[in-house]
PDB file of N, CA and C in Angstrom:
ATOM      1  N   MET A   1     -19.522 -11.809 -16.875  1.00  0.00           N
ATOM      2  CA  MET A   1     -19.584 -10.449 -16.376  1.00  0.00           C
ATOM      3  C   MET A   1     -18.465 -10.240 -15.365  1.00  0.00           C
ATOM      4  N   MET A   2     -17.713  -9.173 -15.519  1.00  0.00           N
ATOM      5  CA  MET A   2     -16.591  -8.906 -14.627  1.00  0.00           C
ATOM      6  C   MET A   2     -17.062  -8.168 -13.377  1.00  0.00           C
ATOM      7  N   SER A   3     -16.437  -8.484 -12.276  1.00  0.00           N
ATOM      8  CA  SER A   3     -16.755  -7.831 -11.014  1.00  0.00           C
ATOM      9  C   SER A   3     -15.850  -6.615 -10.834  1.00  0.00           C
ATOM     10  N   ASN A   4     -16.412  -5.513 -10.391  1.00  0.00           N
ATOM     11  CA  ASN A   4     -15.647  -4.296 -10.150  1.00  0.00           C
ATOM     12  C   ASN A   4     -15.341  -4.109  -8.676  1.00  0.00           C
ATOM     13  N   LYS A   5     -15.480  -5.156  -7.902  1.00  0.00           N
ATOM     14  CA  LYS A   5     -15.246  -5.074  -6.464  1.00  0.00           C
ATOM     15  C   LYS A   5     -13.754  -4.885  -6.198  1.00  0.00           C
ATOM     16  N   ILE A   6     -13.426  -3.910  -5.382  1.00  0.00           N
ATOM     17  CA  ILE A   6     -12.040  -3.645  -5.011  1.00  0.00           C
ATOM     18  C   ILE A   6     -11.769  -4.298  -3.669  1.00  0.00           C
ATOM     19  N   ILE A   7     -10.741  -5.133  -3.634  1.00  0.00           N
ATOM     20  CA  ILE A   7     -10.333  -5.774  -2.385  1.00  0.00           C
ATOM     21  C   ILE A   7      -9.288  -4.881  -1.734  1.00  0.00           C
ATOM     22  N   MET A   8      -9.584  -4.437  -0.526  1.00  0.00           N
ATOM     23  CA  MET A   8      -8.688  -3.528   0.180  1.00  0.00           C
ATOM     24  C   MET A   8      -7.907  -4.263   1.265  1.00  0.00           C
ATOM     25  N   PRO A   9      -6.687  -3.788   1.539  1.00  0.00           N
ATOM     26  CA  PRO A   9      -5.914  -4.385   2.632  1.00  0.00           C
ATOM     27  C   PRO A   9      -6.481  -3.946   3.977  1.00  0.00           C
ATOM     28  N   THR A  10      -6.153  -4.701   5.005  1.00  0.00           N
ATOM     29  CA  THR A  10      -6.541  -4.299   6.353  1.00  0.00           C
ATOM     30  C   THR A  10      -5.558  -3.248   6.851  1.00  0.00           C
ATOM     31  N   LYS A  11      -5.950  -2.567   7.883  1.00  0.00           N
ATOM     32  CA  LYS A  11      -5.074  -1.569   8.492  1.00  0.00           C
ATOM     33  C   LYS A  11      -3.779  -2.217   8.976  1.00  0.00           C
ATOM     34  N   GLU A  12      -3.891  -3.390   9.571  1.00  0.00           N
ATOM     35  CA  GLU A  12      -2.697  -4.092  10.069  1.00  0.00           C
ATOM     36  C   GLU A  12      -1.758  -4.469   8.933  1.00  0.00           C
ATOM     37  N   GLU A  13      -2.303  -4.921   7.807  1.00  0.00           N
ATOM     38  CA  GLU A  13      -1.459  -5.266   6.659  1.00  0.00           C
ATOM     39  C   GLU A  13      -0.678  -4.055   6.169  1.00  0.00           C
ATOM     40  N   VAL A  14      -1.339  -2.913   6.098  1.00  0.00           N
ATOM     41  CA  VAL A  14      -0.674  -1.702   5.623  1.00  0.00           C
ATOM     42  C   VAL A  14       0.373  -1.234   6.632  1.00  0.00           C
ATOM     43  N   LYS A  15       0.059  -1.331   7.910  1.00  0.00           N
ATOM     44  CA  LYS A  15       1.041  -0.944   8.931  1.00  0.00           C
ATOM     45  C   LYS A  15       2.286  -1.821   8.847  1.00  0.00           C
ATOM     46  N   ILE A  16       2.111  -3.112   8.637  1.00  0.00           N
ATOM     47  CA  ILE A  16       3.251  -4.024   8.498  1.00  0.00           C
ATOM     48  C   ILE A  16       4.038  -3.681   7.241  1.00  0.00           C
ATOM     49  N   LEU A  17       3.345  -3.450   6.136  1.00  0.00           N
ATOM     50  CA  LEU A  17       4.005  -3.092   4.877  1.00  0.00           C
ATOM     51  C   LEU A  17       4.833  -1.818   5.037  1.00  0.00           C
ATOM     52  N   LEU A  18       4.243  -0.792   5.636  1.00  0.00           N
ATOM     53  CA  LEU A  18       4.966   0.472   5.830  1.00  0.00           C
ATOM     54  C   LEU A  18       6.165   0.276   6.752  1.00  0.00           C
ATOM     55  N   SER A  19       5.993  -0.473   7.827  1.00  0.00           N
ATOM     56  CA  SER A  19       7.094  -0.728   8.764  1.00  0.00           C
ATOM     57  C   SER A  19       8.248  -1.446   8.072  1.00  0.00           C
ATOM     58  N   LEU A  20       7.932  -2.459   7.284  1.00  0.00           N
ATOM     59  CA  LEU A  20       8.970  -3.202   6.576  1.00  0.00           C
ATOM     60  C   LEU A  20       9.719  -2.308   5.580  1.00  0.00           C
ATOM     61  N   MET A  21       8.978  -1.468   4.889  1.00  0.00           N
ATOM     62  CA  MET A  21       9.619  -0.584   3.908  1.00  0.00           C
ATOM     63  C   MET A  21      10.495   0.456   4.587  1.00  0.00           C
ATOM     64  N   ILE A  22      10.064   0.966   5.721  1.00  0.00           N
ATOM     65  CA  ILE A  22      10.844   1.968   6.454  1.00  0.00           C
ATOM     66  C   ILE A  22      12.134   1.355   6.987  1.00  0.00           C
ATOM     67  N   GLU A  23      12.062   0.143   7.498  1.00  0.00           N
ATOM     68  CA  GLU A  23      13.217  -0.512   8.117  1.00  0.00           C
ATOM     69  C   GLU A  23      14.203  -1.094   7.110  1.00  0.00           C
ATOM     70  N   ASN A  24      13.749  -1.385   5.883  1.00  0.00           N
ATOM     71  CA  ASN A  24      14.591  -2.031   4.884  1.00  0.00           C
ATOM     72  C   ASN A  24      15.573  -1.034   4.279  1.00  0.00           C
ATOM     73  N   LYS A  25      16.854  -1.341   4.345  1.00  0.00           N
ATOM     74  CA  LYS A  25      17.879  -0.436   3.837  1.00  0.00           C
ATOM     75  C   LYS A  25      18.044  -0.527   2.319  1.00  0.00           C
ATOM     76  N   PHE A  26      17.397  -1.497   1.680  1.00  0.00           N
ATOM     77  CA  PHE A  26      17.517  -1.678   0.239  1.00  0.00           C
ATOM     78  C   PHE A  26      16.332  -1.107  -0.529  1.00  0.00           C
ATOM     79  N   ILE A  27      15.354  -0.607   0.179  1.00  0.00           N
ATOM     80  CA  ILE A  27      14.188   0.011  -0.455  1.00  0.00           C
ATOM     81  C   ILE A  27      14.378   1.521  -0.386  1.00  0.00           C
ATOM     82  N   TYR A  28      14.343   2.148  -1.554  1.00  0.00           N
ATOM     83  CA  TYR A  28      14.644   3.580  -1.616  1.00  0.00           C
ATOM     84  C   TYR A  28      13.393   4.454  -1.669  1.00  0.00           C
ATOM     85  N   GLU A  29      12.231   3.844  -1.819  1.00  0.00           N
ATOM     86  CA  GLU A  29      10.997   4.611  -1.879  1.00  0.00           C
ATOM     87  C   GLU A  29      10.724   5.245  -0.519  1.00  0.00           C
ATOM     88  N   GLN A  30      10.344   6.504  -0.544  1.00  0.00           N
ATOM     89  CA  GLN A  30      10.141   7.249   0.701  1.00  0.00           C
ATOM     90  C   GLN A  30       8.726   7.774   0.886  1.00  0.00           C
ATOM     91  N   THR A  31       7.922   7.788  -0.191  1.00  0.00           N
ATOM     92  CA  THR A  31       6.588   8.374  -0.097  1.00  0.00           C
ATOM     93  C   THR A  31       5.512   7.347  -0.437  1.00  0.00           C
ATOM     94  N   VAL A  32       4.287   7.676  -0.059  1.00  0.00           N
ATOM     95  CA  VAL A  32       3.138   6.832  -0.375  1.00  0.00           C
ATOM     96  C   VAL A  32       2.972   6.734  -1.886  1.00  0.00           C
ATOM     97  N   GLY A  33       3.202   7.825  -2.599  1.00  0.00           N
ATOM     98  CA  GLY A  33       3.097   7.813  -4.057  1.00  0.00           C
ATOM     99  C   GLY A  33       4.074   6.840  -4.694  1.00  0.00           C
ATOM    100  N   GLU A  34       5.285   6.792  -4.173  1.00  0.00           N
ATOM    101  CA  GLU A  34       6.276   5.846  -4.693  1.00  0.00           C
ATOM    102  C   GLU A  34       5.861   4.406  -4.388  1.00  0.00           C
ATOM    103  N   LEU A  35       5.303   4.173  -3.206  1.00  0.00           N
ATOM    104  CA  LEU A  35       4.799   2.851  -2.852  1.00  0.00           C
ATOM    105  C   LEU A  35       3.672   2.443  -3.797  1.00  0.00           C
ATOM    106  N   LEU A  36       2.768   3.367  -4.082  1.00  0.00           N
ATOM    107  CA  LEU A  36       1.675   3.070  -5.007  1.00  0.00           C
ATOM    108  C   LEU A  36       2.216   2.755  -6.401  1.00  0.00           C
ATOM    109  N   GLY A  37       3.276   3.449  -6.800  1.00  0.00           N
ATOM    110  CA  GLY A  37       3.902   3.161  -8.085  1.00  0.00           C
ATOM    111  C   GLY A  37       4.452   1.744  -8.134  1.00  0.00           C
ATOM    112  N   LEU A  38       5.095   1.321  -7.052  1.00  0.00           N
ATOM    113  CA  LEU A  38       5.591  -0.059  -6.978  1.00  0.00           C
ATOM    114  C   LEU A  38       4.438  -1.056  -7.075  1.00  0.00           C
ATOM    115  N   LYS A  39       3.356  -0.766  -6.370  1.00  0.00           N
ATOM    116  CA  LYS A  39       2.212  -1.684  -6.356  1.00  0.00           C
ATOM    117  C   LYS A  39       1.535  -1.708  -7.719  1.00  0.00           C
ATOM    118  N   TRP A  40       1.525  -0.583  -8.424  1.00  0.00           N
ATOM    119  CA  TRP A  40       0.933  -0.538  -9.755  1.00  0.00           C
ATOM    120  C   TRP A  40       1.730  -1.432 -10.710  1.00  0.00           C
ATOM    121  N   VAL A  41       3.057  -1.316 -10.672  1.00  0.00           N
ATOM    122  CA  VAL A  41       3.906  -2.167 -11.511  1.00  0.00           C
ATOM    123  C   VAL A  41       3.691  -3.628 -11.134  1.00  0.00           C
ATOM    124  N   ASP A  42       3.600  -3.909  -9.839  1.00  0.00           N
ATOM    125  CA  ASP A  42       3.362  -5.265  -9.361  1.00  0.00           C
ATOM    126  C   ASP A  42       2.043  -5.816  -9.905  1.00  0.00           C
ATOM    127  N   SER A  43       1.048  -4.946 -10.057  1.00  0.00           N
ATOM    128  CA  SER A  43      -0.257  -5.401 -10.534  1.00  0.00           C
ATOM    129  C   SER A  43      -0.212  -5.827 -11.999  1.00  0.00           C
ATOM    130  N   LEU A  44       0.821  -5.430 -12.726  1.00  0.00           N
ATOM    131  CA  LEU A  44       0.961  -5.827 -14.126  1.00  0.00           C
ATOM    132  C   LEU A  44       1.568  -7.221 -14.273  1.00  0.00           C
ATOM    133  N   MET A  45       2.165  -7.712 -13.195  1.00  0.00           N
ATOM    134  CA  MET A  45       2.815  -9.024 -13.204  1.00  0.00           C
ATOM    135  C   MET A  45       1.784 -10.116 -12.897  1.00  0.00           C
ATOM    136  N   PRO A  46       2.044 -11.333 -13.366  1.00  0.00           N
ATOM    137  CA  PRO A  46       1.139 -12.436 -13.011  1.00  0.00           C
ATOM    138  C   PRO A  46       1.153 -12.687 -11.502  1.00  0.00           C
ATOM    139  N   LYS A  47       0.013 -13.059 -10.980  1.00  0.00           N
ATOM    140  CA  LYS A  47      -0.094 -13.365  -9.548  1.00  0.00           C
ATOM    141  C   LYS A  47       0.729 -14.610  -9.220  1.00  0.00           C
ATOM    142  N   ILE A  48       1.328 -14.599  -8.030  1.00  0.00           N
ATOM    143  CA  ILE A  48       2.053 -15.769  -7.573  1.00  0.00           C
ATOM    144  C   ILE A  48       1.294 -16.394  -6.403  1.00  0.00           C
ATOM    145  N   LYS A  49       1.589 -17.634  -6.135  1.00  0.00           N
ATOM    146  CA  LYS A  49       0.897 -18.358  -5.069  1.00  0.00           C
ATOM    147  C   LYS A  49       1.086 -17.648  -3.726  1.00  0.00           C
ATOM    148  N   ASP A  50       0.035 -17.595  -2.945  1.00  0.00           N
ATOM    149  CA  ASP A  50       0.017 -17.014  -1.599  1.00  0.00           C
ATOM    150  C   ASP A  50       0.232 -15.512  -1.573  1.00  0.00           C
ATOM    151  N   GLU A  51       0.103 -14.845  -2.709  1.00  0.00           N
ATOM    152  CA  GLU A  51       0.190 -13.383  -2.743  1.00  0.00           C
ATOM    153  C   GLU A  51      -1.119 -12.813  -2.218  1.00  0.00           C
ATOM    154  N   GLN A  52      -1.050 -11.649  -1.563  1.00  0.00           N
ATOM    155  CA  GLN A  52      -2.264 -11.039  -1.030  1.00  0.00           C
ATOM    156  C   GLN A  52      -3.252 -10.764  -2.162  1.00  0.00           C
ATOM    157  N   GLU A  53      -4.530 -10.750  -1.827  1.00  0.00           N
ATOM    158  CA  GLU A  53      -5.590 -10.550  -2.814  1.00  0.00           C
ATOM    159  C   GLU A  53      -5.709  -9.095  -3.268  1.00  0.00           C
ATOM    160  N   TRP A  54      -5.349  -8.168  -2.400  1.00  0.00           N
ATOM    161  CA  TRP A  54      -5.501  -6.758  -2.753  1.00  0.00           C
ATOM    162  C   TRP A  54      -4.344  -6.321  -3.638  1.00  0.00           C
ATOM    163  N   GLY A  55      -4.647  -5.362  -4.483  1.00  0.00           N
ATOM    164  CA  GLY A  55      -3.641  -4.846  -5.407  1.00  0.00           C
ATOM    165  C   GLY A  55      -3.544  -3.334  -5.324  1.00  0.00           C
ATOM    166  N   TYR A  56      -3.109  -2.737  -6.407  1.00  0.00           N
ATOM    167  CA  TYR A  56      -2.933  -1.287  -6.462  1.00  0.00           C
ATOM    168  C   TYR A  56      -4.228  -0.554  -6.122  1.00  0.00           C
ATOM    169  N   GLU A  57      -5.332  -0.973  -6.748  1.00  0.00           N
ATOM    170  CA  GLU A  57      -6.603  -0.272  -6.544  1.00  0.00           C
ATOM    171  C   GLU A  57      -7.022  -0.290  -5.076  1.00  0.00           C
ATOM    172  N   GLY A  58      -6.863  -1.447  -4.433  1.00  0.00           N
ATOM    173  CA  GLY A  58      -7.240  -1.562  -3.031  1.00  0.00           C
ATOM    174  C   GLY A  58      -6.356  -0.736  -2.119  1.00  0.00           C
ATOM    175  N   LEU A  59      -5.046  -0.747  -2.378  1.00  0.00           N
ATOM    176  CA  LEU A  59      -4.121   0.031  -1.563  1.00  0.00           C
ATOM    177  C   LEU A  59      -4.361   1.525  -1.758  1.00  0.00           C
ATOM    178  N   ASN A  60      -4.584   1.929  -2.999  1.00  0.00           N
ATOM    179  CA  ASN A  60      -4.869   3.332  -3.279  1.00  0.00           C
ATOM    180  C   ASN A  60      -6.142   3.774  -2.562  1.00  0.00           C
ATOM    181  N   GLN A  61      -7.196   2.952  -2.639  1.00  0.00           N
ATOM    182  CA  GLN A  61      -8.455   3.290  -1.971  1.00  0.00           C
ATOM    183  C   GLN A  61      -8.281   3.341  -0.459  1.00  0.00           C
ATOM    184  N   PHE A  62      -7.462   2.447   0.089  1.00  0.00           N
ATOM    185  CA  PHE A  62      -7.184   2.457   1.528  1.00  0.00           C
ATOM    186  C   PHE A  62      -6.582   3.799   1.930  1.00  0.00           C
ATOM    187  N   PHE A  63      -5.589   4.274   1.177  1.00  0.00           N
ATOM    188  CA  PHE A  63      -4.960   5.546   1.507  1.00  0.00           C
ATOM    189  C   PHE A  63      -5.939   6.707   1.362  1.00  0.00           C
ATOM    190  N   ILE A  64      -6.785   6.671   0.346  1.00  0.00           N
ATOM    191  CA  ILE A  64      -7.801   7.718   0.176  1.00  0.00           C
ATOM    192  C   ILE A  64      -8.755   7.717   1.366  1.00  0.00           C
ATOM    193  N   ASP A  65      -9.251   6.539   1.735  1.00  0.00           N
ATOM    194  CA  ASP A  65     -10.207   6.419   2.848  1.00  0.00           C
ATOM    195  C   ASP A  65      -9.607   6.863   4.174  1.00  0.00           C
ATOM    196  N   ASN A  66      -8.291   6.730   4.322  1.00  0.00           N
ATOM    197  CA  ASN A  66      -7.622   7.112   5.564  1.00  0.00           C
ATOM    198  C   ASN A  66      -6.961   8.481   5.474  1.00  0.00           C
ATOM    199  N   ASP A  67      -7.329   9.243   4.446  1.00  0.00           N
ATOM    200  CA  ASP A  67      -6.857  10.623   4.274  1.00  0.00           C
ATOM    201  C   ASP A  67      -5.318  10.709   4.286  1.00  0.00           C
ATOM    202  N   ILE A  68      -4.687   9.798   3.553  1.00  0.00           N
ATOM    203  CA  ILE A  68      -3.230   9.784   3.443  1.00  0.00           C
ATOM    204  C   ILE A  68      -2.882  10.132   2.006  1.00  0.00           C
ATOM    205  N   ALA A  69      -2.220  11.257   1.819  1.00  0.00           N
ATOM    206  CA  ALA A  69      -1.887  11.764   0.485  1.00  0.00           C
ATOM    207  C   ALA A  69      -0.666  11.059  -0.091  1.00  0.00           C
ATOM    208  N   PRO A  70      -0.568  10.992  -1.415  1.00  0.00           N
ATOM    209  CA  PRO A  70       0.610  10.389  -2.050  1.00  0.00           C
ATOM    210  C   PRO A  70       1.918  11.092  -1.688  1.00  0.00           C
ATOM    211  N   THR A  71       1.838  12.333  -1.272  1.00  0.00           N
ATOM    212  CA  THR A  71       3.053  13.078  -0.914  1.00  0.00           C
ATOM    213  C   THR A  71       3.527  12.796   0.504  1.00  0.00           C
ATOM    214  N   CYS A  72       2.719  12.100   1.301  1.00  0.00           N
ATOM    215  CA  CYS A  72       3.135  11.740   2.667  1.00  0.00           C
ATOM    216  C   CYS A  72       4.319  10.794   2.610  1.00  0.00           C
ATOM    217  N   THR A  73       5.236  10.954   3.549  1.00  0.00           N
ATOM    218  CA  THR A  73       6.315   9.972   3.655  1.00  0.00           C
ATOM    219  C   THR A  73       5.733   8.694   4.250  1.00  0.00           C
ATOM    220  N   LEU A  74       6.467   7.612   4.096  1.00  0.00           N
ATOM    221  CA  LEU A  74       6.009   6.350   4.668  1.00  0.00           C
ATOM    222  C   LEU A  74       5.874   6.464   6.182  1.00  0.00           C
ATOM    223  N   LYS A  75       6.791   7.166   6.809  1.00  0.00           N
ATOM    224  CA  LYS A  75       6.751   7.374   8.269  1.00  0.00           C
ATOM    225  C   LYS A  75       5.519   8.185   8.674  1.00  0.00           C
ATOM    226  N   GLU A  76       5.220   9.250   7.920  1.00  0.00           N
ATOM    227  CA  GLU A  76       4.028  10.056   8.221  1.00  0.00           C
ATOM    228  C   GLU A  76       2.759   9.217   8.089  1.00  0.00           C
ATOM    229  N   ALA A  77       2.701   8.382   7.054  1.00  0.00           N
ATOM    230  CA  ALA A  77       1.538   7.525   6.854  1.00  0.00           C
ATOM    231  C   ALA A  77       1.390   6.528   8.000  1.00  0.00           C
ATOM    232  N   LEU A  78       2.504   5.931   8.421  1.00  0.00           N
ATOM    233  CA  LEU A  78       2.469   4.980   9.543  1.00  0.00           C
ATOM    234  C   LEU A  78       2.042   5.672  10.828  1.00  0.00           C
ATOM    235  N   ASP A  79       2.581   6.846  11.069  1.00  0.00           N
ATOM    236  CA  ASP A  79       2.192   7.608  12.261  1.00  0.00           C
ATOM    237  C   ASP A  79       0.696   7.919  12.252  1.00  0.00           C
ATOM    238  N   LYS A  80       0.179   8.300  11.098  1.00  0.00           N
ATOM    239  CA  LYS A  80      -1.248   8.612  10.979  1.00  0.00           C
ATOM    240  C   LYS A  80      -2.099   7.376  11.268  1.00  0.00           C
ATOM    241  N   LEU A  81      -1.676   6.226  10.766  1.00  0.00           N
ATOM    242  CA  LEU A  81      -2.434   4.991  11.009  1.00  0.00           C
ATOM    243  C   LEU A  81      -2.356   4.576  12.471  1.00  0.00           C
ATOM    244  N   ASN A  82      -1.214   4.801  13.108  1.00  0.00           N
ATOM    245  CA  ASN A  82      -1.057   4.437  14.512  1.00  0.00           C
ATOM    246  C   ASN A  82      -1.891   5.322  15.428  1.00  0.00           C
ATOM    247  N   LYS A  83      -2.176   6.541  15.005  1.00  0.00           N
ATOM    248  CA  LYS A  83      -2.996   7.459  15.805  1.00  0.00           C
ATOM    249  C   LYS A  83      -4.474   7.094  15.746  1.00  0.00           C
ATOM    250  N   ASN A  84      -4.895   6.504  14.624  1.00  0.00           N
ATOM    251  CA  ASN A  84      -6.318   6.170  14.435  1.00  0.00           C
ATOM    252  C   ASN A  84      -6.650   4.839  15.024  1.00  0.00           C
TER     253      ASN A  84
END
């Protein structure tokens, strides 16, 4: 029997992820929707050792639970998380 439990990232993990993406000059994604797209593609790849347990579903649910829309920029999402 398969488990439908969604593993979600912590707030700190998402804040670090957003900060790294904002600061990186080689990452062109600017919105939460684009980040989710990257994570969705990543979820199709085989897991590698020491990779985080949460995937696209968990990250998407995290943004929904924190009222962060896919159209938000990464900076807007980080600012919203820092306020809460």
